[in-house]
């Protein structure tokens, strides 16, 4: 019997639990729960399963990144504000040793200057920004392609 592939981890940082309510003109009206369902459906088309989580707590996100070292095939991360502030998250991701795709619903480069720097981007295989909830689906496709290898 074939071994079941490891899931992809999709981790979401602070305030993303308020999607659909918080600043919909920037982040859209799709809720995080709806995005989670969309991601699971998209991943299934690639034969992948998903662990989809959100936390407002930096330490919990770091614990999940560390867990993903042995329990995931790769990771999609929307770090929220921690993208621009967290050296601890950066250091945890350095030890991940799995493909990482960074995403953002909005385009941080079209926003406040403090959002222009990411502590995550230098560790990611790619960065997808500005496509709203669609950023997650693009990231699933990108990560699936990375997991399939160079022949994909």
N, C-alpha and C. Protein backbone atom coordinates (compact mmCIF):
# COMPACT_ATOMS: atom_id res chain seq x y z
N UNK A 1 0.84 -1.18 0.00
CA UNK A 1 0.00 0.00 0.00
C UNK A 1 0.88 1.24 0.00
N UNK A 2 0.54 2.22 -0.84
CA UNK A 2 1.32 3.43 -0.96
C UNK A 2 1.20 4.28 0.30
N UNK A 3 2.31 4.88 0.67
CA UNK A 3 2.34 5.74 1.83
C UNK A 3 1.64 7.06 1.51
N UNK A 4 0.77 7.50 2.40
CA UNK A 4 0.03 8.75 2.21
C UNK A 4 1.01 9.92 2.30
N UNK A 5 0.96 10.85 1.32
CA UNK A 5 1.88 11.98 1.37
C UNK A 5 1.59 12.88 2.56
N UNK A 6 2.64 13.54 3.04
CA UNK A 6 2.48 14.48 4.13
C UNK A 6 1.62 15.66 3.67
N UNK A 7 0.87 16.27 4.57
CA UNK A 7 0.04 17.42 4.19
C UNK A 7 0.89 18.67 3.99
N UNK A 8 0.31 19.64 3.35
CA UNK A 8 0.92 20.96 3.32
C UNK A 8 0.34 21.75 4.49
N UNK A 9 1.17 22.56 5.11
CA UNK A 9 0.71 23.42 6.20
C UNK A 9 0.43 24.80 5.61
N UNK A 10 -0.72 25.33 5.95
CA UNK A 10 -1.09 26.70 5.58
C UNK A 10 -1.30 27.44 6.89
N UNK A 11 -0.35 28.31 7.21
CA UNK A 11 -0.39 29.02 8.48
C UNK A 11 -0.72 30.48 8.26
N UNK A 12 -1.52 31.01 9.16
CA UNK A 12 -2.02 32.38 9.07
C UNK A 12 -1.75 33.11 10.36
N UNK A 13 -1.23 34.32 10.25
CA UNK A 13 -0.85 35.10 11.41
C UNK A 13 -1.95 35.97 11.98
N UNK A 14 -1.55 36.96 12.75
CA UNK A 14 -2.48 37.76 13.54
C UNK A 14 -3.50 38.52 12.70
N UNK A 15 -4.69 38.58 13.27
CA UNK A 15 -5.84 39.33 12.74
C UNK A 15 -6.48 38.71 11.51
N UNK A 16 -5.91 37.66 10.97
CA UNK A 16 -6.51 37.04 9.78
C UNK A 16 -7.80 36.31 10.13
N UNK A 17 -8.03 36.04 11.41
CA UNK A 17 -9.32 35.49 11.84
C UNK A 17 -10.46 36.49 11.62
N UNK A 18 -10.13 37.75 11.37
CA UNK A 18 -11.14 38.79 11.14
C UNK A 18 -11.41 39.04 9.66
N UNK A 19 -10.85 38.20 8.79
CA UNK A 19 -11.10 38.38 7.36
C UNK A 19 -12.59 38.37 7.08
N UNK A 20 -12.99 39.23 6.16
CA UNK A 20 -14.40 39.38 5.82
C UNK A 20 -15.05 40.50 6.61
N UNK A 21 -14.46 40.84 7.75
CA UNK A 21 -14.98 41.90 8.61
C UNK A 21 -14.03 43.09 8.67
N UNK A 22 -12.75 42.82 8.80
CA UNK A 22 -11.73 43.85 8.99
C UNK A 22 -11.28 44.42 7.65
N UNK A 23 -11.47 45.69 7.47
CA UNK A 23 -11.01 46.41 6.28
C UNK A 23 -11.25 45.63 4.98
N UNK A 24 -12.51 45.33 4.68
CA UNK A 24 -12.80 44.55 3.48
C UNK A 24 -12.35 45.23 2.19
N UNK A 25 -12.21 46.54 2.21
CA UNK A 25 -11.71 47.25 1.03
C UNK A 25 -10.26 46.90 0.73
N UNK A 26 -9.53 46.41 1.73
CA UNK A 26 -8.14 45.99 1.54
C UNK A 26 -8.05 44.48 1.42
N UNK A 27 -8.72 43.76 2.32
CA UNK A 27 -8.54 42.31 2.43
C UNK A 27 -9.66 41.49 1.82
N UNK A 28 -10.73 42.13 1.38
CA UNK A 28 -11.84 41.42 0.76
C UNK A 28 -12.88 40.96 1.77
N UNK A 29 -13.90 40.33 1.27
CA UNK A 29 -15.03 39.91 2.11
C UNK A 29 -15.03 38.39 2.38
N UNK A 30 -14.09 37.68 1.80
CA UNK A 30 -14.00 36.24 2.02
C UNK A 30 -13.45 35.97 3.42
N UNK A 31 -14.11 35.11 4.17
CA UNK A 31 -13.65 34.79 5.52
C UNK A 31 -12.50 33.79 5.48
N UNK A 32 -11.78 33.70 6.57
CA UNK A 32 -10.69 32.74 6.65
C UNK A 32 -11.22 31.31 6.56
N UNK A 33 -12.36 31.05 7.14
CA UNK A 33 -12.97 29.73 7.05
C UNK A 33 -13.28 29.38 5.59
N UNK A 34 -13.80 30.33 4.84
CA UNK A 34 -14.08 30.10 3.42
C UNK A 34 -12.78 29.85 2.65
N UNK A 35 -11.75 30.61 2.98
CA UNK A 35 -10.44 30.41 2.33
C UNK A 35 -9.93 29.01 2.64
N UNK A 36 -10.06 28.57 3.89
CA UNK A 36 -9.62 27.23 4.25
C UNK A 36 -10.29 26.15 3.43
N UNK A 37 -11.58 26.30 3.18
CA UNK A 37 -12.30 25.33 2.35
C UNK A 37 -11.82 25.38 0.89
N UNK A 38 -11.59 26.60 0.39
CA UNK A 38 -11.09 26.75 -0.98
C UNK A 38 -9.71 26.11 -1.13
N UNK A 39 -8.86 26.31 -0.14
CA UNK A 39 -7.51 25.75 -0.16
C UNK A 39 -7.55 24.23 -0.15
N UNK A 40 -8.39 23.66 0.72
CA UNK A 40 -8.50 22.19 0.79
C UNK A 40 -8.95 21.61 -0.54
N UNK A 41 -9.91 22.27 -1.17
CA UNK A 41 -10.42 21.81 -2.47
C UNK A 41 -9.33 21.90 -3.54
N UNK A 42 -8.61 23.01 -3.55
CA UNK A 42 -7.53 23.19 -4.54
C UNK A 42 -6.41 22.17 -4.31
N UNK A 43 -6.05 21.96 -3.05
CA UNK A 43 -4.99 21.00 -2.74
C UNK A 43 -5.37 19.59 -3.18
N UNK A 44 -6.64 19.25 -3.00
CA UNK A 44 -7.12 17.92 -3.38
C UNK A 44 -6.91 17.67 -4.87
N UNK A 45 -7.02 18.71 -5.70
CA UNK A 45 -6.81 18.53 -7.14
C UNK A 45 -5.37 18.12 -7.44
N UNK A 46 -4.47 18.36 -6.49
CA UNK A 46 -3.06 17.98 -6.64
C UNK A 46 -2.74 16.72 -5.82
N UNK A 47 -3.77 16.11 -5.24
CA UNK A 47 -3.54 14.92 -4.41
C UNK A 47 -2.95 15.25 -3.05
N UNK A 48 -3.14 16.48 -2.60
CA UNK A 48 -2.56 16.93 -1.34
C UNK A 48 -3.66 17.16 -0.30
N UNK A 49 -3.29 17.00 0.95
CA UNK A 49 -4.16 17.37 2.06
C UNK A 49 -3.56 18.60 2.74
N UNK A 50 -4.35 19.22 3.61
CA UNK A 50 -3.96 20.50 4.19
C UNK A 50 -4.17 20.50 5.69
N UNK A 51 -3.22 21.10 6.38
CA UNK A 51 -3.38 21.51 7.77
C UNK A 51 -3.47 23.03 7.71
N UNK A 52 -4.64 23.57 8.04
CA UNK A 52 -4.93 25.00 7.89
C UNK A 52 -5.15 25.59 9.28
N UNK A 53 -4.29 26.55 9.67
CA UNK A 53 -4.36 27.09 11.03
C UNK A 53 -4.15 28.60 11.03
N UNK A 54 -4.65 29.23 12.09
CA UNK A 54 -4.47 30.67 12.31
C UNK A 54 -4.21 30.91 13.78
N UNK A 55 -3.29 31.84 14.07
CA UNK A 55 -3.07 32.25 15.45
C UNK A 55 -2.71 33.73 15.51
N UNK A 56 -3.14 34.35 16.59
CA UNK A 56 -2.74 35.73 16.88
C UNK A 56 -1.49 35.75 17.75
N UNK A 57 -0.92 34.58 18.03
CA UNK A 57 0.20 34.47 18.97
C UNK A 57 1.46 34.01 18.24
N UNK A 58 2.48 34.82 18.31
CA UNK A 58 3.74 34.54 17.63
C UNK A 58 4.32 33.18 18.03
N UNK A 59 4.33 32.89 19.32
CA UNK A 59 4.90 31.63 19.79
C UNK A 59 4.18 30.41 19.25
N UNK A 60 2.86 30.51 19.14
CA UNK A 60 2.09 29.38 18.60
C UNK A 60 2.44 29.16 17.12
N UNK A 61 2.58 30.24 16.36
CA UNK A 61 2.99 30.10 14.96
C UNK A 61 4.36 29.44 14.86
N UNK A 62 5.27 29.83 15.73
CA UNK A 62 6.62 29.25 15.74
C UNK A 62 6.54 27.76 16.08
N UNK A 63 5.71 27.40 17.06
CA UNK A 63 5.53 25.98 17.39
C UNK A 63 5.04 25.20 16.17
N UNK A 64 4.11 25.77 15.42
CA UNK A 64 3.57 25.08 14.23
C UNK A 64 4.63 24.97 13.13
N UNK A 65 5.45 26.00 12.97
CA UNK A 65 6.54 25.92 11.98
C UNK A 65 7.49 24.80 12.37
N UNK A 66 7.82 24.71 13.65
CA UNK A 66 8.70 23.64 14.10
C UNK A 66 8.05 22.27 13.91
N UNK A 67 6.77 22.16 14.17
CA UNK A 67 6.03 20.91 13.95
C UNK A 67 6.08 20.51 12.48
N UNK A 68 5.96 21.50 11.61
CA UNK A 68 5.94 21.26 10.16
C UNK A 68 7.25 20.68 9.65
N UNK A 69 8.33 20.83 10.38
CA UNK A 69 9.63 20.28 9.96
C UNK A 69 9.53 18.78 9.71
N UNK A 70 8.73 18.08 10.52
CA UNK A 70 8.63 16.63 10.39
C UNK A 70 7.26 16.15 9.92
N UNK A 71 6.27 17.02 9.95
CA UNK A 71 4.91 16.58 9.66
C UNK A 71 4.31 17.17 8.39
N UNK A 72 5.10 17.93 7.63
CA UNK A 72 4.55 18.55 6.42
C UNK A 72 5.44 18.28 5.21
N UNK A 73 4.83 18.44 4.04
CA UNK A 73 5.58 18.37 2.79
C UNK A 73 6.11 19.75 2.41
N UNK A 74 5.45 20.80 2.89
CA UNK A 74 5.82 22.17 2.58
C UNK A 74 4.84 23.11 3.25
N UNK A 75 5.08 24.40 3.09
CA UNK A 75 4.29 25.38 3.82
C UNK A 75 3.93 26.58 2.97
N UNK A 76 2.70 27.06 3.21
CA UNK A 76 2.23 28.36 2.73
C UNK A 76 2.03 29.21 3.97
N UNK A 77 2.58 30.41 3.97
CA UNK A 77 2.50 31.25 5.16
C UNK A 77 2.04 32.66 4.81
N UNK A 78 0.95 33.06 5.45
CA UNK A 78 0.54 34.45 5.48
C UNK A 78 0.82 34.91 6.91
N UNK A 79 1.96 35.51 7.12
CA UNK A 79 2.39 35.88 8.46
C UNK A 79 1.71 37.12 9.01
N UNK A 80 0.84 37.75 8.20
CA UNK A 80 0.22 38.98 8.67
C UNK A 80 1.29 39.97 9.08
N UNK A 81 1.04 40.72 10.11
CA UNK A 81 1.99 41.75 10.57
C UNK A 81 3.33 41.15 11.01
N UNK A 82 3.35 39.89 11.45
CA UNK A 82 4.62 39.27 11.85
C UNK A 82 5.61 39.19 10.68
N UNK A 83 5.09 39.23 9.47
CA UNK A 83 5.95 39.26 8.28
C UNK A 83 6.98 40.38 8.40
N UNK A 84 6.55 41.51 8.93
CA UNK A 84 7.36 42.72 8.94
C UNK A 84 8.09 42.95 10.26
N UNK A 85 7.85 42.09 11.25
CA UNK A 85 8.38 42.36 12.59
C UNK A 85 9.11 41.20 13.25
N UNK A 86 8.87 39.96 12.85
CA UNK A 86 9.27 38.82 13.67
C UNK A 86 10.57 38.15 13.22
N UNK A 87 11.63 38.45 13.95
CA UNK A 87 12.88 37.73 13.74
C UNK A 87 12.76 36.30 14.25
N UNK A 88 11.96 36.09 15.28
CA UNK A 88 11.76 34.74 15.82
C UNK A 88 11.09 33.83 14.79
N UNK A 89 10.09 34.35 14.09
CA UNK A 89 9.44 33.57 13.03
C UNK A 89 10.43 33.30 11.90
N UNK A 90 11.21 34.30 11.54
CA UNK A 90 12.26 34.14 10.53
C UNK A 90 13.20 32.99 10.92
N UNK A 91 13.67 33.01 12.16
CA UNK A 91 14.61 31.97 12.61
C UNK A 91 13.99 30.58 12.59
N UNK A 92 12.72 30.47 12.98
CA UNK A 92 12.04 29.17 12.93
C UNK A 92 11.93 28.69 11.49
N UNK A 93 11.62 29.60 10.57
CA UNK A 93 11.49 29.23 9.16
C UNK A 93 12.83 28.82 8.55
N UNK A 94 13.91 29.38 9.04
CA UNK A 94 15.25 28.98 8.56
C UNK A 94 15.50 27.50 8.79
N UNK A 95 14.91 26.96 9.84
CA UNK A 95 15.11 25.55 10.19
C UNK A 95 14.07 24.64 9.53
N UNK A 96 13.13 25.21 8.78
CA UNK A 96 12.04 24.42 8.21
C UNK A 96 12.53 23.36 7.23
N UNK A 97 13.42 23.71 6.33
CA UNK A 97 13.97 22.78 5.35
C UNK A 97 12.89 22.10 4.50
N UNK A 98 11.84 22.85 4.19
CA UNK A 98 10.76 22.42 3.30
C UNK A 98 10.44 23.60 2.40
N UNK A 99 9.84 23.36 1.24
CA UNK A 99 9.46 24.50 0.39
C UNK A 99 8.46 25.40 1.10
N UNK A 100 8.71 26.69 1.00
CA UNK A 100 7.88 27.71 1.64
C UNK A 100 7.41 28.71 0.59
N UNK A 101 6.12 29.01 0.60
CA UNK A 101 5.56 30.06 -0.25
C UNK A 101 4.94 31.10 0.68
N UNK A 102 5.39 32.32 0.55
CA UNK A 102 4.85 33.44 1.33
C UNK A 102 3.71 34.08 0.54
N UNK A 103 2.64 34.40 1.24
CA UNK A 103 1.51 35.05 0.55
C UNK A 103 0.99 36.22 1.35
N UNK A 104 0.32 37.12 0.62
CA UNK A 104 -0.41 38.24 1.21
C UNK A 104 -1.64 38.51 0.36
N UNK A 105 -2.73 38.80 1.02
CA UNK A 105 -3.97 39.13 0.32
C UNK A 105 -3.83 40.44 -0.46
N UNK A 106 -3.26 41.44 0.21
CA UNK A 106 -3.05 42.74 -0.44
C UNK A 106 -1.62 42.79 -0.97
N UNK A 107 -1.31 43.86 -1.67
CA UNK A 107 0.05 44.09 -2.14
C UNK A 107 0.75 45.00 -1.14
N UNK A 108 1.63 44.46 -0.28
CA UNK A 108 2.25 45.30 0.73
C UNK A 108 3.10 46.43 0.15
N UNK A 109 3.56 46.28 -1.08
CA UNK A 109 4.39 47.31 -1.71
C UNK A 109 3.57 48.51 -2.17
N UNK A 110 2.26 48.36 -2.20
CA UNK A 110 1.37 49.46 -2.55
C UNK A 110 0.76 50.10 -1.30
N UNK A 111 1.30 49.71 -0.14
CA UNK A 111 0.75 50.18 1.13
C UNK A 111 1.81 50.96 1.91
N UNK A 112 1.65 51.06 3.21
CA UNK A 112 2.58 51.82 4.04
C UNK A 112 4.00 51.28 3.89
N UNK A 113 4.96 52.18 4.01
CA UNK A 113 6.36 51.80 3.80
C UNK A 113 6.83 50.71 4.76
N UNK A 114 6.33 50.70 6.00
CA UNK A 114 6.78 49.68 6.95
C UNK A 114 6.39 48.27 6.50
N UNK A 115 5.43 48.16 5.58
CA UNK A 115 5.02 46.85 5.07
C UNK A 115 5.89 46.39 3.89
N UNK A 116 6.80 47.21 3.45
CA UNK A 116 7.62 46.87 2.28
C UNK A 116 8.71 45.85 2.61
N UNK A 117 9.05 45.68 3.88
CA UNK A 117 10.09 44.72 4.25
C UNK A 117 9.46 43.45 4.83
N UNK A 118 9.98 42.31 4.40
CA UNK A 118 9.52 41.02 4.91
C UNK A 118 10.71 40.24 5.46
N UNK A 119 10.54 39.72 6.67
CA UNK A 119 11.54 38.82 7.25
C UNK A 119 11.36 37.39 6.73
N UNK A 120 10.34 37.17 5.92
CA UNK A 120 10.03 35.84 5.41
C UNK A 120 10.50 35.64 3.97
N UNK A 121 10.41 36.68 3.17
CA UNK A 121 10.64 36.55 1.72
C UNK A 121 11.97 35.92 1.35
N UNK A 122 13.03 36.24 2.07
CA UNK A 122 14.35 35.70 1.72
C UNK A 122 14.44 34.19 1.94
N UNK A 123 13.49 33.64 2.69
CA UNK A 123 13.48 32.20 2.97
C UNK A 123 12.51 31.44 2.08
N UNK A 124 11.66 32.16 1.38
CA UNK A 124 10.60 31.54 0.58
C UNK A 124 11.09 31.21 -0.83
N UNK A 125 10.53 30.15 -1.40
CA UNK A 125 10.80 29.83 -2.80
C UNK A 125 10.14 30.86 -3.70
N UNK A 126 9.02 31.44 -3.22
CA UNK A 126 8.31 32.46 -3.98
C UNK A 126 7.37 33.22 -3.09
N UNK A 127 6.95 34.38 -3.59
CA UNK A 127 6.05 35.26 -2.86
C UNK A 127 4.89 35.63 -3.78
N UNK A 128 3.66 35.47 -3.27
CA UNK A 128 2.46 35.80 -4.04
C UNK A 128 1.70 36.86 -3.25
N UNK A 129 1.48 38.02 -3.88
CA UNK A 129 0.82 39.13 -3.19
C UNK A 129 -0.24 39.77 -4.08
N UNK A 130 -1.27 40.30 -3.42
CA UNK A 130 -2.19 41.20 -4.09
C UNK A 130 -3.37 40.58 -4.81
N UNK A 131 -3.60 39.29 -4.69
CA UNK A 131 -4.69 38.64 -5.41
C UNK A 131 -5.84 38.24 -4.49
N UNK A 132 -5.91 38.88 -3.33
CA UNK A 132 -6.97 38.56 -2.39
C UNK A 132 -6.95 37.09 -2.01
N UNK A 133 -8.13 36.52 -1.82
CA UNK A 133 -8.22 35.10 -1.46
C UNK A 133 -7.57 34.21 -2.52
N UNK A 134 -7.54 34.69 -3.75
CA UNK A 134 -6.90 33.94 -4.83
C UNK A 134 -5.42 33.73 -4.61
N UNK A 135 -4.79 34.57 -3.78
CA UNK A 135 -3.36 34.37 -3.46
C UNK A 135 -3.12 32.99 -2.87
N UNK A 136 -4.06 32.53 -2.06
CA UNK A 136 -3.92 31.21 -1.44
C UNK A 136 -3.98 30.10 -2.50
N UNK A 137 -4.89 30.23 -3.46
CA UNK A 137 -5.02 29.20 -4.49
C UNK A 137 -3.80 29.17 -5.40
N UNK A 138 -3.30 30.34 -5.74
CA UNK A 138 -2.06 30.42 -6.53
C UNK A 138 -0.90 29.77 -5.76
N UNK A 139 -0.87 29.99 -4.45
CA UNK A 139 0.19 29.41 -3.63
C UNK A 139 0.09 27.89 -3.57
N UNK A 140 -1.13 27.36 -3.49
CA UNK A 140 -1.29 25.90 -3.51
C UNK A 140 -0.74 25.33 -4.81
N UNK A 141 -1.08 25.95 -5.93
CA UNK A 141 -0.58 25.48 -7.22
C UNK A 141 0.94 25.57 -7.28
N UNK A 142 1.49 26.68 -6.78
CA UNK A 142 2.95 26.87 -6.79
C UNK A 142 3.63 25.83 -5.92
N UNK A 143 3.11 25.61 -4.72
CA UNK A 143 3.73 24.64 -3.82
C UNK A 143 3.60 23.23 -4.39
N UNK A 144 2.47 22.90 -4.97
CA UNK A 144 2.31 21.58 -5.60
C UNK A 144 3.36 21.38 -6.70
N UNK A 145 3.60 22.41 -7.47
CA UNK A 145 4.60 22.34 -8.53
C UNK A 145 5.99 22.13 -7.95
N UNK A 146 6.30 22.82 -6.87
CA UNK A 146 7.59 22.64 -6.21
C UNK A 146 7.75 21.22 -5.68
N UNK A 147 6.68 20.67 -5.14
CA UNK A 147 6.74 19.33 -4.56
C UNK A 147 6.85 18.26 -5.65
N UNK A 148 6.33 18.54 -6.84
CA UNK A 148 6.42 17.58 -7.94
C UNK A 148 7.83 17.52 -8.50
N UNK A 149 8.63 18.57 -8.28
CA UNK A 149 10.02 18.57 -8.68
C UNK A 149 10.25 19.23 -10.01
N UNK A 150 11.51 19.22 -10.47
CA UNK A 150 11.92 19.95 -11.67
C UNK A 150 11.21 19.50 -12.94
N UNK A 151 10.73 18.28 -12.98
CA UNK A 151 10.07 17.77 -14.19
C UNK A 151 8.67 18.36 -14.37
N UNK A 152 8.14 18.96 -13.31
CA UNK A 152 6.76 19.46 -13.34
C UNK A 152 6.59 20.63 -14.26
